[in-house]
C-alpha atoms as a PDB file:
ATOM      1  CA  MET A   1      33.226   4.497  74.738  1.00  0.00           C
ATOM      2  CA  ALA A   2      36.763   5.246  73.702  1.00  0.00           C
ATOM      3  CA  MET A   3      39.307   3.357  71.637  1.00  0.00           C
ATOM      4  CA  LEU A   4      42.956   4.319  71.786  1.00  0.00           C
ATOM      5  CA  GLY A   5      45.598   2.961  69.446  1.00  0.00           C
ATOM      6  CA  ARG A   6      46.553   2.073  65.918  1.00  0.00           C
ATOM      7  CA  LEU A   7      43.679   1.451  63.509  1.00  0.00           C
ATOM      8  CA  SER A   8      44.568  -1.994  62.171  1.00  0.00           C
ATOM      9  CA  ASN A   9      42.835  -5.303  61.411  1.00  0.00           C
ATOM     10  CA  GLU A  10      43.951  -7.184  64.515  1.00  0.00           C
ATOM     11  CA  LYS A  11      42.196  -4.671  66.769  1.00  0.00           C
ATOM     12  CA  ASN A  12      38.814  -5.423  65.121  1.00  0.00           C
ATOM     13  CA  HIS A  13      37.386  -1.918  65.316  1.00  0.00           C
ATOM     14  CA  ALA A  14      34.707  -2.949  62.803  1.00  0.00           C
ATOM     15  CA  MET A  15      33.133  -5.278  65.363  1.00  0.00           C
ATOM     16  CA  LEU A  16      32.800  -2.438  67.871  1.00  0.00           C
ATOM     17  CA  PHE A  17      31.242  -0.246  65.184  1.00  0.00           C
ATOM     18  CA  ARG A  18      28.690  -2.984  64.452  1.00  0.00           C
ATOM     19  CA  VAL A  19      27.927  -3.344  68.174  1.00  0.00           C
ATOM     20  CA  ALA A  20      27.442   0.429  68.409  1.00  0.00           C
ATOM     21  CA  ALA A  21      25.022   0.294  65.458  1.00  0.00           C
ATOM     22  CA  SER A  22      23.091  -2.531  67.135  1.00  0.00           C
ATOM     23  CA  LEU A  23      22.864  -0.601  70.390  1.00  0.00           C
ATOM     24  CA  GLN A  24      21.672   2.482  68.543  1.00  0.00           C
ATOM     25  CA  ALA A  25      18.994   0.395  66.816  1.00  0.00           C
ATOM     26  CA  LEU A  26      17.810  -0.671  70.273  1.00  0.00           C
ATOM     27  CA  GLY A  27      17.420   2.981  71.250  1.00  0.00           C
ATOM     28  CA  LYS A  28      20.566   3.210  73.365  1.00  0.00           C
ATOM     29  CA  GLN A  29      22.661   6.362  73.346  1.00  0.00           C
ATOM     30  CA  VAL A  30      26.089   5.578  71.953  1.00  0.00           C
ATOM     31  CA  HIS A  31      29.138   7.658  71.103  1.00  0.00           C
ATOM     32  CA  LEU A  32      32.547   6.270  70.186  1.00  0.00           C
ATOM     33  CA  HIS A  33      35.753   8.259  70.570  1.00  0.00           C
ATOM     34  CA  VAL A  34      38.434   6.829  68.283  1.00  0.00           C
ATOM     35  CA  ILE A  35      41.885   8.109  69.197  1.00  0.00           C
ATOM     36  CA  GLY A  36      44.712   7.079  66.913  1.00  0.00           C
ATOM     37  CA  ASP A  37      45.367   6.539  63.248  1.00  0.00           C
ATOM     38  CA  GLY A  38      46.284   3.765  60.868  1.00  0.00           C
ATOM     39  CA  ILE A  39      45.697   2.034  57.579  1.00  0.00           C
ATOM     40  CA  LEU A  40      42.004   1.394  58.320  1.00  0.00           C
ATOM     41  CA  ARG A  41      40.962   4.975  59.031  1.00  0.00           C
ATOM     42  CA  GLU A  42      39.226   5.600  55.688  1.00  0.00           C
ATOM     43  CA  GLU A  43      37.664   2.129  55.685  1.00  0.00           C
ATOM     44  CA  LEU A  44      36.275   2.673  59.191  1.00  0.00           C
ATOM     45  CA  ILE A  45      34.869   6.058  58.209  1.00  0.00           C
ATOM     46  CA  ARG A  46      33.078   4.383  55.274  1.00  0.00           C
ATOM     47  CA  LEU A  47      31.799   1.606  57.568  1.00  0.00           C
ATOM     48  CA  ALA A  48      30.418   4.188  59.999  1.00  0.00           C
ATOM     49  CA  ASP A  49      28.590   5.815  57.078  1.00  0.00           C
ATOM     50  CA  GLN A  50      27.203   2.455  55.909  1.00  0.00           C
ATOM     51  CA  LEU A  51      26.025   1.605  59.438  1.00  0.00           C
ATOM     52  CA  GLN A  52      24.503   5.091  59.749  1.00  0.00           C
ATOM     53  CA  ILE A  53      26.472   5.852  62.899  1.00  0.00           C
ATOM     54  CA  SER A  54      28.942   8.409  61.541  1.00  0.00           C
ATOM     55  CA  ASN A  55      27.324  11.056  63.739  1.00  0.00           C
ATOM     56  CA  LYS A  56      28.006   8.802  66.747  1.00  0.00           C
ATOM     57  CA  ILE A  57      31.758   8.489  66.175  1.00  0.00           C
ATOM     58  CA  THR A  58      34.476  11.084  66.638  1.00  0.00           C
ATOM     59  CA  PHE A  59      37.848  10.365  65.051  1.00  0.00           C
ATOM     60  CA  TYR A  60      40.628  12.297  66.776  1.00  0.00           C
ATOM     61  CA  GLY A  61      43.642  11.009  64.882  1.00  0.00           C
ATOM     62  CA  VAL A  62      47.074  10.857  66.503  1.00  0.00           C
ATOM     63  CA  GLN A  63      47.315  12.637  69.851  1.00  0.00           C
ATOM     64  CA  THR A  64      50.522  13.537  71.651  1.00  0.00           C
END
């Protein structure tokens, strides 16, 4: 799955991270591609660590 855009509260990236963690727990193969940057980047990286899915998420930052 891929997400493209600003990392901000109204986009609710955290919910997708939690869904990815749930799918992984069910044995599904999951990888998220997060393209973009914003105020939540560090918080989302910490959440991925807490959910033990940091190896299933690639943060690309701003792309032009």
